[in-house]
Amino acid sequence: MTPAPFNLRLPVFAAPMFLISGPQLVLAACKAGIIGAFPTPNARPISVLDEWMKQITEGLARARDDQPAATIGPWCANLVTHSTNTRLAEDLALIAHYKPPVVVTALGSPKPAIEVVHGYGGLVFADVTTLTLAKKAVAAGADGLACVSAGAGGHTGALSPFAFVSAVRDFYDGYVIVGGGISDGWGVAGAVASGADFVYMGTRFIPTVESLAADAYKQMVVDGTVDDLIVSAGITGTAASWLKPSLRLLGIDPDNMPAAPPRSYDSSRPVEARKWVDVWAAGQGLGTIRAVEPVATVVDTLEREYLQALSRMAGLPYAKPDAPRAREIVAPLATQPVAAT
């Protein structure tokens, strides 16, 4: 596999969440040592996107005066490349100007972003929900894949995170992000052990001080369990994981969801009510969240859990370096040359 390109505290993206991730969440995540991301459609009109990108780049520059640069994670723009997004060219122009180190494309091919992002040395990852889409993204020249799996909040996938990573690794050795129901450091360790390079973690960052979510939304996530979720295409036209209590507040019966509407992801248009504004999304990791906290506190907890998980794995009898099977399997690997990447 390709070595990770960033010096991170944890291999985690604060995943780009529609109408949730903004400059404050991105900056807080980067300052905490993980990757902060936001979807460009969150900033409307285009002038707001310009303001947000300026705020993020200037905020990170100031942060480097206050803490070692090596402790600050990179920022990421999440770009909708669906054919209905008439603002794509304008978004790309701002990406070329502000140069986010990572761009993750969604709901379309990564190809429109590759030339622009590679032009300044950035990386392009592609959101994928199936093996077919993963292979197309690799063929298009993406630097990495964001494997959106079952359990993810918002637009979600159907494959198990572990099955998805295993299947992708059968034909691809580039960067892999995996997301889907992972909301603690134990899950991060498990995802990395399965072959992923990074973890997408969205729901865990909804009830943070810096998130754009309404207070009632944050509390609904804190109070919720996996039984409060339903996956349906009846809101946006694409299968997404919704909080049932938010549906009921709008008079929508989770047991009788409306038919899927036509899909439209045009960032130049206002966001319609019921599509994300009033209907709230979450993933299957919400059962582990206990309070609304600052991003820095969340990352502290994730790091502690991650290290506990690594310690536990290292302490298992069959994982010890001096165990007979470990000597038999691992020792020969130490004498083999490392493949060039």
C-alpha atoms as a PDB file:
ATOM      1  CA  MET A   1       0.000   0.000   0.000  1.00  0.00           C
ATOM      2  CA  THR A   2       1.030   3.589  -0.574  1.00  0.00           C
ATOM      3  CA  PRO A   3       2.431   5.262   2.571  1.00  0.00           C
ATOM      4  CA  ALA A   4       0.100   7.799   4.186  1.00  0.00           C
ATOM      5  CA  PRO A   5       0.885  11.299   2.861  1.00  0.00           C
ATOM      6  CA  PHE A   6       0.139  13.281   6.025  1.00  0.00           C
ATOM      7  CA  ASN A   7       1.542  13.535   9.521  1.00  0.00           C
ATOM      8  CA  LEU A   8      -1.656  13.084  11.537  1.00  0.00           C
ATOM      9  CA  ARG A   9      -2.470  12.575  15.179  1.00  0.00           C
ATOM     10  CA  LEU A  10      -5.100  10.053  14.108  1.00  0.00           C
ATOM     11  CA  PRO A  11      -5.949   8.692  10.631  1.00  0.00           C
ATOM     12  CA  VAL A  12      -9.356  10.374  10.720  1.00  0.00           C
ATOM     13  CA  PHE A  13     -11.331  12.749   8.516  1.00  0.00           C
ATOM     14  CA  ALA A  14     -13.974  14.864  10.213  1.00  0.00           C
ATOM     15  CA  ALA A  15     -16.162  13.859   7.306  1.00  0.00           C
ATOM     16  CA  PRO A  16     -17.788  16.493   5.096  1.00  0.00           C
ATOM     17  CA  MET A  17     -21.429  16.730   6.174  1.00  0.00           C
ATOM     18  CA  PHE A  18     -24.050  18.635   4.240  1.00  0.00           C
ATOM     19  CA  LEU A  19     -25.164  21.760   6.141  1.00  0.00           C
ATOM     20  CA  ILE A  20     -23.168  20.624   9.201  1.00  0.00           C
ATOM     21  CA  SER A  21     -19.506  21.167   8.321  1.00  0.00           C
ATOM     22  CA  GLY A  22     -18.336  24.772   8.133  1.00  0.00           C
ATOM     23  CA  PRO A  23     -15.112  26.732   8.638  1.00  0.00           C
ATOM     24  CA  GLN A  24     -15.160  26.484  12.443  1.00  0.00           C
ATOM     25  CA  LEU A  25     -15.499  22.689  12.387  1.00  0.00           C
ATOM     26  CA  VAL A  26     -12.807  22.366   9.717  1.00  0.00           C
ATOM     27  CA  LEU A  27     -10.381  24.600  11.612  1.00  0.00           C
ATOM     28  CA  ALA A  28     -11.031  22.864  14.933  1.00  0.00           C
ATOM     29  CA  ALA A  29     -10.446  19.440  13.367  1.00  0.00           C
ATOM     30  CA  CYS A  30      -7.208  20.502  11.673  1.00  0.00           C
ATOM     31  CA  LYS A  31      -5.901  22.156  14.848  1.00  0.00           C
ATOM     32  CA  ALA A  32      -6.667  18.926  16.742  1.00  0.00           C
ATOM     33  CA  GLY A  33      -4.450  16.981  14.333  1.00  0.00           C
ATOM     34  CA  ILE A  34      -6.972  15.278  12.045  1.00  0.00           C
ATOM     35  CA  ILE A  35      -8.293  16.180   8.582  1.00  0.00           C
ATOM     36  CA  GLY A  36     -11.079  18.756   8.506  1.00  0.00           C
ATOM     37  CA  ALA A  37     -13.473  18.619   5.566  1.00  0.00           C
ATOM     38  CA  PHE A  38     -16.584  20.404   4.321  1.00  0.00           C
ATOM     39  CA  PRO A  39     -18.838  20.079   1.248  1.00  0.00           C
ATOM     40  CA  THR A  40     -18.600  23.095  -1.062  1.00  0.00           C
ATOM     41  CA  PRO A  41     -22.427  23.137  -1.492  1.00  0.00           C
ATOM     42  CA  ASN A  42     -22.669  24.182   2.171  1.00  0.00           C
ATOM     43  CA  ALA A  43     -21.485  27.639   1.104  1.00  0.00           C
ATOM     44  CA  ARG A  44     -24.132  29.424  -0.997  1.00  0.00           C
ATOM     45  CA  PRO A  45     -23.887  31.607  -3.017  1.00  0.00           C
ATOM     46  CA  ILE A  46     -20.406  31.232  -4.517  1.00  0.00           C
ATOM     47  CA  SER A  47     -19.223  34.372  -2.718  1.00  0.00           C
ATOM     48  CA  VAL A  48     -19.741  32.576   0.595  1.00  0.00           C
ATOM     49  CA  LEU A  49     -17.540  29.701  -0.589  1.00  0.00           C
ATOM     50  CA  ASP A  50     -14.822  32.242  -1.347  1.00  0.00           C
ATOM     51  CA  GLU A  51     -15.182  33.668   2.171  1.00  0.00           C
ATOM     52  CA  TRP A  52     -15.090  30.220   3.791  1.00  0.00           C
ATOM     53  CA  MET A  53     -11.983  29.089   1.931  1.00  0.00           C
ATOM     54  CA  LYS A  54     -10.225  32.334   2.795  1.00  0.00           C
ATOM     55  CA  GLN A  55     -11.230  31.940   6.447  1.00  0.00           C
ATOM     56  CA  ILE A  56      -9.886  28.375   6.546  1.00  0.00           C
ATOM     57  CA  THR A  57      -6.559  29.111   4.849  1.00  0.00           C
ATOM     58  CA  GLU A  58      -5.921  32.248   6.909  1.00  0.00           C
ATOM     59  CA  GLY A  59      -7.026  30.499  10.105  1.00  0.00           C
ATOM     60  CA  LEU A  60      -4.590  27.637   9.519  1.00  0.00           C
ATOM     61  CA  ALA A  61      -1.800  30.092   8.756  1.00  0.00           C
ATOM     62  CA  ARG A  62      -2.422  31.790  12.110  1.00  0.00           C
ATOM     63  CA  ALA A  63      -2.584  28.404  13.854  1.00  0.00           C
ATOM     64  CA  ARG A  64       0.933  27.630  12.603  1.00  0.00           C
ATOM     65  CA  ASP A  65       2.142  30.646  14.560  1.00  0.00           C
ATOM     66  CA  ASP A  66       0.639  29.221  17.754  1.00  0.00           C
ATOM     67  CA  GLN A  67       1.438  25.501  17.496  1.00  0.00           C
ATOM     68  CA  PRO A  68       3.933  23.331  15.608  1.00  0.00           C
ATOM     69  CA  ALA A  69       2.937  22.930  11.968  1.00  0.00           C
ATOM     70  CA  ALA A  70       3.383  19.158  12.249  1.00  0.00           C
ATOM     71  CA  THR A  71       0.487  19.027  14.733  1.00  0.00           C
ATOM     72  CA  ILE A  72      -1.994  20.613  12.302  1.00  0.00           C
ATOM     73  CA  GLY A  73      -3.950  18.398   9.917  1.00  0.00           C
ATOM     74  CA  PRO A  74      -4.705  19.334   6.292  1.00  0.00           C
ATOM     75  CA  TRP A  75      -8.075  20.612   5.129  1.00  0.00           C
ATOM     76  CA  CYS A  76     -10.283  19.025   2.530  1.00  0.00           C
ATOM     77  CA  ALA A  77     -12.955  20.302   0.145  1.00  0.00           C
ATOM     78  CA  ASN A  78     -15.772  17.931  -0.815  1.00  0.00           C
ATOM     79  CA  LEU A  79     -16.845  18.684  -4.388  1.00  0.00           C
ATOM     80  CA  VAL A  80     -20.109  17.564  -6.023  1.00  0.00           C
ATOM     81  CA  THR A  81     -19.349  16.489  -9.597  1.00  0.00           C
ATOM     82  CA  HIS A  82     -22.890  15.367 -10.470  1.00  0.00           C
ATOM     83  CA  SER A  83     -24.097  16.594 -13.869  1.00  0.00           C
ATOM     84  CA  THR A  84     -26.849  18.679 -12.236  1.00  0.00           C
ATOM     85  CA  ASN A  85     -24.325  20.874 -10.375  1.00  0.00           C
ATOM     86  CA  THR A  86     -24.143  23.978 -12.584  1.00  0.00           C
ATOM     87  CA  ARG A  87     -21.719  25.651 -10.141  1.00  0.00           C
ATOM     88  CA  LEU A  88     -18.981  23.063 -10.617  1.00  0.00           C
ATOM     89  CA  ALA A  89     -16.708  25.296 -12.721  1.00  0.00           C
ATOM     90  CA  GLU A  90     -16.902  28.120 -10.163  1.00  0.00           C
ATOM     91  CA  ASP A  91     -16.142  25.736  -7.317  1.00  0.00           C
ATOM     92  CA  LEU A  92     -13.127  24.411  -9.218  1.00  0.00           C
ATOM     93  CA  ALA A  93     -11.840  27.923  -9.815  1.00  0.00           C
ATOM     94  CA  LEU A  94     -11.847  28.581  -6.065  1.00  0.00           C
ATOM     95  CA  ILE A  95     -10.220  25.226  -5.388  1.00  0.00           C
ATOM     96  CA  ALA A  96      -7.436  26.172  -7.814  1.00  0.00           C
ATOM     97  CA  HIS A  97      -7.028  29.495  -5.967  1.00  0.00           C
ATOM     98  CA  TYR A  98      -7.067  28.242  -2.350  1.00  0.00           C
ATOM     99  CA  LYS A  99      -5.450  24.838  -3.005  1.00  0.00           C
ATOM    100  CA  PRO A 100      -6.939  22.462  -0.414  1.00  0.00           C
ATOM    101  CA  PRO A 101      -4.457  19.592   0.017  1.00  0.00           C
ATOM    102  CA  VAL A 102      -7.268  17.064  -0.433  1.00  0.00           C
ATOM    103  CA  VAL A 103     -10.381  17.185  -2.608  1.00  0.00           C
ATOM    104  CA  VAL A 104     -12.998  14.453  -2.301  1.00  0.00           C
ATOM    105  CA  THR A 105     -15.445  14.247  -5.181  1.00  0.00           C
ATOM    106  CA  ALA A 106     -18.985  13.009  -4.641  1.00  0.00           C
ATOM    107  CA  LEU A 107     -22.026  11.939  -6.666  1.00  0.00           C
ATOM    108  CA  GLY A 108     -20.068  11.839  -9.911  1.00  0.00           C
ATOM    109  CA  SER A 109     -16.732  11.048 -11.558  1.00  0.00           C
ATOM    110  CA  PRO A 110     -13.542  12.483 -10.027  1.00  0.00           C
ATOM    111  CA  LYS A 111     -12.283  13.321 -13.516  1.00  0.00           C
ATOM    112  CA  PRO A 112     -13.429  17.003 -13.562  1.00  0.00           C
ATOM    113  CA  ALA A 113     -11.275  17.753 -10.503  1.00  0.00           C
ATOM    114  CA  ILE A 114      -8.124  15.815 -11.296  1.00  0.00           C
ATOM    115  CA  GLU A 115      -6.343  18.220 -13.638  1.00  0.00           C
ATOM    116  CA  VAL A 116      -7.033  21.221 -11.403  1.00  0.00           C
ATOM    117  CA  VAL A 117      -6.014  19.574  -8.133  1.00  0.00           C
ATOM    118  CA  HIS A 118      -2.996  17.765  -9.511  1.00  0.00           C
ATOM    119  CA  GLY A 119      -1.930  21.080 -11.027  1.00  0.00           C
ATOM    120  CA  TYR A 120      -1.041  22.422  -7.572  1.00  0.00           C
ATOM    121  CA  GLY A 121       0.058  19.091  -6.070  1.00  0.00           C
ATOM    122  CA  GLY A 122      -3.146  18.134  -4.239  1.00  0.00           C
ATOM    123  CA  LEU A 123      -4.788  14.740  -3.954  1.00  0.00           C
ATOM    124  CA  VAL A 124      -8.178  13.700  -5.343  1.00  0.00           C
ATOM    125  CA  PHE A 125     -10.211  11.051  -3.567  1.00  0.00           C
ATOM    126  CA  ALA A 126     -13.527   9.782  -4.931  1.00  0.00           C
ATOM    127  CA  ASP A 127     -16.590   8.908  -2.872  1.00  0.00           C
ATOM    128  CA  VAL A 128     -17.745   5.436  -3.927  1.00  0.00           C
ATOM    129  CA  THR A 129     -20.488   3.151  -2.671  1.00  0.00           C
ATOM    130  CA  THR A 130     -19.950   0.087  -4.899  1.00  0.00           C
ATOM    131  CA  LEU A 131     -17.061  -1.871  -6.377  1.00  0.00           C
ATOM    132  CA  THR A 132     -18.151  -0.801  -9.862  1.00  0.00           C
ATOM    133  CA  LEU A 133     -17.851   2.863  -8.907  1.00  0.00           C
ATOM    134  CA  ALA A 134     -14.540   2.176  -7.165  1.00  0.00           C
ATOM    135  CA  LYS A 135     -13.065   0.646 -10.316  1.00  0.00           C
ATOM    136  CA  LYS A 136     -14.339   3.541 -12.432  1.00  0.00           C
ATOM    137  CA  ALA A 137     -12.765   6.070 -10.048  1.00  0.00           C
ATOM    138  CA  VAL A 138      -9.425   4.257 -10.173  1.00  0.00           C
ATOM    139  CA  ALA A 139      -9.590   4.152 -13.970  1.00  0.00           C
ATOM    140  CA  ALA A 140     -10.346   7.895 -14.013  1.00  0.00           C
ATOM    141  CA  GLY A 141      -7.110   8.589 -12.149  1.00  0.00           C
ATOM    142  CA  ALA A 142      -8.254   9.230  -8.578  1.00  0.00           C
ATOM    143  CA  ASP A 143      -5.476   9.193  -5.978  1.00  0.00           C
ATOM    144  CA  GLY A 144      -7.675   7.432  -3.458  1.00  0.00           C
ATOM    145  CA  LEU A 145     -11.119   6.075  -2.683  1.00  0.00           C
ATOM    146  CA  ALA A 146     -13.570   7.068   0.029  1.00  0.00           C
ATOM    147  CA  CYS A 147     -15.540   3.873   0.539  1.00  0.00           C
ATOM    148  CA  VAL A 148     -18.919   4.937   1.914  1.00  0.00           C
ATOM    149  CA  SER A 149     -20.320   1.826   3.532  1.00  0.00           C
ATOM    150  CA  ALA A 150     -23.390   0.552   5.350  1.00  0.00           C
ATOM    151  CA  GLY A 151     -23.941   2.486   8.558  1.00  0.00           C
ATOM    152  CA  ALA A 152     -22.829   5.832   7.140  1.00  0.00           C
ATOM    153  CA  GLY A 153     -24.986   8.863   7.797  1.00  0.00           C
ATOM    154  CA  GLY A 154     -26.474  10.953   5.021  1.00  0.00           C
ATOM    155  CA  HIS A 155     -26.069   9.367   1.597  1.00  0.00           C
ATOM    156  CA  THR A 156     -25.003   5.886   2.555  1.00  0.00           C
ATOM    157  CA  GLY A 157     -23.783   2.602   1.120  1.00  0.00           C
ATOM    158  CA  ALA A 158     -24.899  -1.007   1.385  1.00  0.00           C
ATOM    159  CA  LEU A 159     -21.632  -2.894   1.844  1.00  0.00           C
ATOM    160  CA  SER A 160     -20.054  -3.733   5.201  1.00  0.00           C
ATOM    161  CA  PRO A 161     -17.003  -1.516   5.809  1.00  0.00           C
ATOM    162  CA  PHE A 162     -14.797  -4.575   6.303  1.00  0.00           C
ATOM    163  CA  ALA A 163     -16.127  -6.332   3.200  1.00  0.00           C
ATOM    164  CA  PHE A 164     -15.757  -3.156   1.141  1.00  0.00           C
ATOM    165  CA  VAL A 165     -12.125  -2.557   2.153  1.00  0.00           C
ATOM    166  CA  SER A 166     -11.228  -6.221   1.596  1.00  0.00           C
ATOM    167  CA  ALA A 167     -12.788  -6.249  -1.869  1.00  0.00           C
ATOM    168  CA  VAL A 168     -11.119  -2.968  -2.864  1.00  0.00           C
ATOM    169  CA  ARG A 169      -7.718  -4.154  -1.657  1.00  0.00           C
ATOM    170  CA  ASP A 170      -8.027  -7.113  -4.002  1.00  0.00           C
ATOM    171  CA  PHE A 171      -7.380  -4.777  -6.968  1.00  0.00           C
ATOM    172  CA  TYR A 172      -6.166  -1.457  -5.521  1.00  0.00           C
ATOM    173  CA  ASP A 173      -3.181  -0.480  -3.364  1.00  0.00           C
ATOM    174  CA  GLY A 174      -3.730   3.300  -3.248  1.00  0.00           C
ATOM    175  CA  TYR A 175      -5.206   5.379  -0.458  1.00  0.00           C
ATOM    176  CA  VAL A 176      -8.473   4.153   1.045  1.00  0.00           C
ATOM    177  CA  ILE A 177     -10.814   5.990   3.388  1.00  0.00           C
ATOM    178  CA  VAL A 178     -13.634   3.964   4.886  1.00  0.00           C
ATOM    179  CA  GLY A 179     -16.751   5.294   6.564  1.00  0.00           C
ATOM    180  CA  GLY A 180     -19.837   3.694   7.988  1.00  0.00           C
ATOM    181  CA  GLY A 181     -20.862   3.470  11.623  1.00  0.00           C
ATOM    182  CA  ILE A 182     -17.384   4.240  13.005  1.00  0.00           C
ATOM    183  CA  SER A 183     -17.565   6.745  15.836  1.00  0.00           C
ATOM    184  CA  ASP A 184     -14.898   5.769  18.364  1.00  0.00           C
ATOM    185  CA  GLY A 185     -11.176   5.104  18.427  1.00  0.00           C
ATOM    186  CA  TRP A 186     -11.729   1.363  18.724  1.00  0.00           C
ATOM    187  CA  GLY A 187     -13.473   1.420  15.356  1.00  0.00           C
ATOM    188  CA  VAL A 188     -10.657   3.477  13.847  1.00  0.00           C
ATOM    189  CA  ALA A 189      -8.131   0.857  14.911  1.00  0.00           C
ATOM    190  CA  GLY A 190     -10.298  -1.903  13.470  1.00  0.00           C
ATOM    191  CA  ALA A 191     -10.655  -0.082  10.149  1.00  0.00           C
ATOM    192  CA  VAL A 192      -6.905   0.461   9.858  1.00  0.00           C
ATOM    193  CA  ALA A 193      -6.270  -3.191  10.752  1.00  0.00           C
ATOM    194  CA  SER A 194      -8.659  -4.189   7.952  1.00  0.00           C
ATOM    195  CA  GLY A 195      -6.591  -2.341   5.336  1.00  0.00           C
ATOM    196  CA  ALA A 196      -7.935   1.222   5.317  1.00  0.00           C
ATOM    197  CA  ASP A 197      -5.575   4.201   5.507  1.00  0.00           C
ATOM    198  CA  PHE A 198      -8.116   6.644   6.939  1.00  0.00           C
ATOM    199  CA  VAL A 199     -11.559   6.686   8.519  1.00  0.00           C
ATOM    200  CA  TYR A 200     -14.451   8.979   7.625  1.00  0.00           C
ATOM    201  CA  MET A 201     -16.179   9.994  10.845  1.00  0.00           C
ATOM    202  CA  GLY A 202     -19.218  12.222  10.445  1.00  0.00           C
ATOM    203  CA  THR A 203     -21.933  11.531  12.988  1.00  0.00           C
ATOM    204  CA  ARG A 204     -19.464  11.797  15.872  1.00  0.00           C
ATOM    205  CA  PHE A 205     -18.861  15.438  14.940  1.00  0.00           C
ATOM    206  CA  ILE A 206     -22.517  16.510  14.525  1.00  0.00           C
ATOM    207  CA  PRO A 207     -22.963  17.243  18.262  1.00  0.00           C
ATOM    208  CA  THR A 208     -19.832  19.352  18.584  1.00  0.00           C
ATOM    209  CA  VAL A 209     -19.679  22.972  19.651  1.00  0.00           C
ATOM    210  CA  GLU A 210     -18.223  23.985  16.273  1.00  0.00           C
ATOM    211  CA  SER A 211     -20.756  22.193  14.077  1.00  0.00           C
ATOM    212  CA  LEU A 212     -23.446  24.106  12.176  1.00  0.00           C
ATOM    213  CA  ALA A 213     -26.176  21.709  13.338  1.00  0.00           C
ATOM    214  CA  ALA A 214     -29.115  23.183  15.223  1.00  0.00           C
ATOM    215  CA  ASP A 215     -29.079  22.580  18.963  1.00  0.00           C
ATOM    216  CA  ALA A 216     -32.133  20.350  18.681  1.00  0.00           C
ATOM    217  CA  TYR A 217     -30.362  18.288  16.011  1.00  0.00           C
ATOM    218  CA  LYS A 218     -27.273  17.866  18.197  1.00  0.00           C
ATOM    219  CA  GLN A 219     -29.410  16.727  21.119  1.00  0.00           C
ATOM    220  CA  MET A 220     -31.329  14.299  18.910  1.00  0.00           C
ATOM    221  CA  VAL A 221     -28.034  12.638  17.977  1.00  0.00           C
ATOM    222  CA  VAL A 222     -26.925  12.496  21.627  1.00  0.00           C
ATOM    223  CA  ASP A 223     -30.269  10.953  22.631  1.00  0.00           C
ATOM    224  CA  GLY A 224     -30.565   8.601  19.660  1.00  0.00           C
ATOM    225  CA  THR A 225     -29.798   4.936  19.052  1.00  0.00           C
ATOM    226  CA  VAL A 226     -29.543   2.859  15.890  1.00  0.00           C
ATOM    227  CA  ASP A 227     -33.237   2.047  16.249  1.00  0.00           C
ATOM    228  CA  ASP A 228     -33.966   5.715  15.501  1.00  0.00           C
ATOM    229  CA  LEU A 229     -32.556   5.458  11.959  1.00  0.00           C
ATOM    230  CA  ILE A 230     -34.117   4.636   8.614  1.00  0.00           C
ATOM    231  CA  VAL A 231     -32.457   4.401   5.200  1.00  0.00           C
ATOM    232  CA  SER A 232     -34.627   5.820   2.427  1.00  0.00           C
ATOM    233  CA  ALA A 233     -34.367   7.523  -0.970  1.00  0.00           C
ATOM    234  CA  GLY A 234     -37.685   9.257  -0.320  1.00  0.00           C
ATOM    235  CA  ILE A 235     -36.160  12.628   0.615  1.00  0.00           C
ATOM    236  CA  THR A 236     -33.374  13.319  -1.890  1.00  0.00           C
ATOM    237  CA  GLY A 237     -33.760  10.567  -4.482  1.00  0.00           C
ATOM    238  CA  THR A 238     -30.645   8.802  -3.182  1.00  0.00           C
ATOM    239  CA  ALA A 239     -30.588   6.326  -0.309  1.00  0.00           C
ATOM    240  CA  ALA A 240     -29.710   8.185   2.891  1.00  0.00           C
ATOM    241  CA  SER A 241     -29.809   7.441   6.613  1.00  0.00           C
ATOM    242  CA  TRP A 242     -32.331   9.669   8.419  1.00  0.00           C
ATOM    243  CA  LEU A 243     -33.321  10.229  12.027  1.00  0.00           C
ATOM    244  CA  LYS A 244     -36.889   9.010  12.451  1.00  0.00           C
ATOM    245  CA  PRO A 245     -37.767  11.626  15.116  1.00  0.00           C
ATOM    246  CA  SER A 246     -36.957  14.433  12.649  1.00  0.00           C
ATOM    247  CA  LEU A 247     -39.241  12.841  10.049  1.00  0.00           C
ATOM    248  CA  ARG A 248     -42.090  12.587  12.527  1.00  0.00           C
ATOM    249  CA  LEU A 249     -41.713  16.256  13.480  1.00  0.00           C
ATOM    250  CA  LEU A 250     -42.494  17.100   9.840  1.00  0.00           C
ATOM    251  CA  GLY A 251     -45.450  14.734   9.672  1.00  0.00           C
ATOM    252  CA  ILE A 252     -43.582  12.107   7.626  1.00  0.00           C
ATOM    253  CA  ASP A 253     -44.297   8.530   8.645  1.00  0.00           C
ATOM    254  CA  PRO A 254     -41.018   6.532   8.686  1.00  0.00           C
ATOM    255  CA  ASP A 255     -43.069   3.405   8.014  1.00  0.00           C
ATOM    256  CA  ASN A 256     -44.598   4.953   4.895  1.00  0.00           C
ATOM    257  CA  MET A 257     -41.868   6.980   3.218  1.00  0.00           C
ATOM    258  CA  PRO A 258     -42.638   9.006   0.079  1.00  0.00           C
ATOM    259  CA  ALA A 259     -41.480   7.866  -3.347  1.00  0.00           C
ATOM    260  CA  ALA A 260     -37.991   8.911  -4.377  1.00  0.00           C
ATOM    261  CA  PRO A 261     -37.984  12.347  -6.073  1.00  0.00           C
ATOM    262  CA  PRO A 262     -35.736  13.202  -9.057  1.00  0.00           C
ATOM    263  CA  ARG A 263     -32.136  13.719  -7.996  1.00  0.00           C
ATOM    264  CA  SER A 264     -30.699  17.248  -8.155  1.00  0.00           C
ATOM    265  CA  TYR A 265     -27.435  18.482  -6.651  1.00  0.00           C
ATOM    266  CA  ASP A 266     -27.164  21.983  -8.075  1.00  0.00           C
ATOM    267  CA  SER A 267     -25.108  24.090  -5.649  1.00  0.00           C
ATOM    268  CA  SER A 268     -26.304  27.310  -7.282  1.00  0.00           C
ATOM    269  CA  ARG A 269     -29.858  26.793  -5.979  1.00  0.00           C
ATOM    270  CA  PRO A 270     -31.148  27.330  -2.438  1.00  0.00           C
ATOM    271  CA  VAL A 271     -31.476  24.210  -0.286  1.00  0.00           C
ATOM    272  CA  GLU A 272     -35.042  22.937  -0.228  1.00  0.00           C
ATOM    273  CA  ALA A 273     -36.758  22.398   3.100  1.00  0.00           C
ATOM    274  CA  ARG A 274     -37.150  18.754   4.024  1.00  0.00           C
ATOM    275  CA  LYS A 275     -33.962  18.015   2.060  1.00  0.00           C
ATOM    276  CA  TRP A 276     -31.492  18.124   4.935  1.00  0.00           C
ATOM    277  CA  VAL A 277     -32.660  21.428   6.436  1.00  0.00           C
ATOM    278  CA  ASP A 278     -35.585  20.022   8.396  1.00  0.00           C
ATOM    279  CA  VAL A 279     -34.934  16.293   7.972  1.00  0.00           C
ATOM    280  CA  TRP A 280     -31.811  15.340   9.860  1.00  0.00           C
ATOM    281  CA  ALA A 281     -29.343  12.607   8.990  1.00  0.00           C
ATOM    282  CA  ALA A 282     -27.102  10.432  11.147  1.00  0.00           C
ATOM    283  CA  GLY A 283     -25.138   7.209  10.906  1.00  0.00           C
ATOM    284  CA  GLN A 284     -25.097   4.059  12.993  1.00  0.00           C
ATOM    285  CA  GLY A 285     -22.346   5.359  15.285  1.00  0.00           C
ATOM    286  CA  LEU A 286     -24.726   7.661  17.143  1.00  0.00           C
ATOM    287  CA  GLY A 287     -25.239   5.187  19.987  1.00  0.00           C
ATOM    288  CA  THR A 288     -21.772   5.890  21.402  1.00  0.00           C
ATOM    289  CA  ILE A 289     -22.209   9.682  21.695  1.00  0.00           C
ATOM    290  CA  ARG A 290     -23.057  10.996  25.142  1.00  0.00           C
ATOM    291  CA  ALA A 291     -22.732  14.806  25.047  1.00  0.00           C
ATOM    292  CA  VAL A 292     -22.224  17.941  22.974  1.00  0.00           C
ATOM    293  CA  GLU A 293     -18.487  18.681  23.202  1.00  0.00           C
ATOM    294  CA  PRO A 294     -15.759  20.746  21.516  1.00  0.00           C
ATOM    295  CA  VAL A 295     -13.986  19.035  18.626  1.00  0.00           C
ATOM    296  CA  ALA A 296     -10.723  19.057  20.597  1.00  0.00           C
ATOM    297  CA  THR A 297     -12.345  17.033  23.388  1.00  0.00           C
ATOM    298  CA  VAL A 298     -13.766  14.538  20.908  1.00  0.00           C
ATOM    299  CA  VAL A 299     -10.350  14.011  19.308  1.00  0.00           C
ATOM    300  CA  ASP A 300      -8.740  13.566  22.736  1.00  0.00           C
ATOM    301  CA  THR A 301     -11.246  10.791  23.443  1.00  0.00           C
ATOM    302  CA  LEU A 302     -10.742   9.179  20.029  1.00  0.00           C
ATOM    303  CA  GLU A 303      -6.970   9.151  20.537  1.00  0.00           C
ATOM    304  CA  ARG A 304      -7.291   7.543  23.967  1.00  0.00           C
ATOM    305  CA  GLU A 305      -9.637   4.846  22.612  1.00  0.00           C
ATOM    306  CA  TYR A 306      -7.422   4.250  19.573  1.00  0.00           C
ATOM    307  CA  LEU A 307      -4.337   3.717  21.728  1.00  0.00           C
ATOM    308  CA  GLN A 308      -6.314   1.442  24.043  1.00  0.00           C
ATOM    309  CA  ALA A 309      -7.350  -0.617  21.026  1.00  0.00           C
ATOM    310  CA  LEU A 310      -3.777  -0.893  19.765  1.00  0.00           C
ATOM    311  CA  SER A 311      -2.620  -1.903  23.242  1.00  0.00           C
ATOM    312  CA  ARG A 312      -5.314  -4.544  23.479  1.00  0.00           C
ATOM    313  CA  MET A 313      -4.394  -6.040  20.096  1.00  0.00           C
ATOM    314  CA  ALA A 314      -0.688  -6.053  20.966  1.00  0.00           C
ATOM    315  CA  GLY A 315      -1.486  -7.789  24.249  1.00  0.00           C
ATOM    316  CA  LEU A 316      -3.406 -10.710  22.773  1.00  0.00           C
ATOM    317  CA  PRO A 317      -1.481 -13.980  23.169  1.00  0.00           C
ATOM    318  CA  TYR A 318      -1.513 -14.783  19.456  1.00  0.00           C
ATOM    319  CA  ALA A 319      -0.418 -11.241  18.522  1.00  0.00           C
ATOM    320  CA  LYS A 320       2.756 -11.163  20.607  1.00  0.00           C
ATOM    321  CA  PRO A 321       5.949 -11.010  18.524  1.00  0.00           C
ATOM    322  CA  ASP A 322       7.381 -14.050  20.343  1.00  0.00           C
ATOM    323  CA  ALA A 323       4.314 -16.228  19.785  1.00  0.00           C
ATOM    324  CA  PRO A 324       5.209 -19.280  17.654  1.00  0.00           C
ATOM    325  CA  ARG A 325       2.885 -18.389  14.783  1.00  0.00           C
ATOM    326  CA  ALA A 326       3.969 -14.748  14.880  1.00  0.00           C
ATOM    327  CA  ARG A 327       7.616 -15.816  14.563  1.00  0.00           C
ATOM    328  CA  GLU A 328       6.716 -18.113  11.710  1.00  0.00           C
ATOM    329  CA  ILE A 329       4.721 -15.487   9.765  1.00  0.00           C
ATOM    330  CA  VAL A 330       6.246 -12.137  10.699  1.00  0.00           C
ATOM    331  CA  ALA A 331       9.953 -12.932  10.944  1.00  0.00           C
ATOM    332  CA  PRO A 332      10.396 -13.768   7.217  1.00  0.00           C
ATOM    333  CA  LEU A 333       8.718 -10.488   6.302  1.00  0.00           C
ATOM    334  CA  ALA A 334      11.415  -8.504   8.109  1.00  0.00           C
ATOM    335  CA  THR A 335      14.042  -9.803   5.649  1.00  0.00           C
ATOM    336  CA  GLN A 336      12.064  -8.948   2.517  1.00  0.00           C
ATOM    337  CA  PRO A 337      12.802  -5.680   0.643  1.00  0.00           C
ATOM    338  CA  VAL A 338      10.121  -2.996   0.851  1.00  0.00           C
ATOM    339  CA  ALA A 339       8.372  -2.524  -2.487  1.00  0.00           C
ATOM    340  CA  ALA A 340       8.777   0.892  -4.095  1.00  0.00           C
ATOM    341  CA  THR A 341       5.634   3.051  -4.238  1.00  0.00           C
END
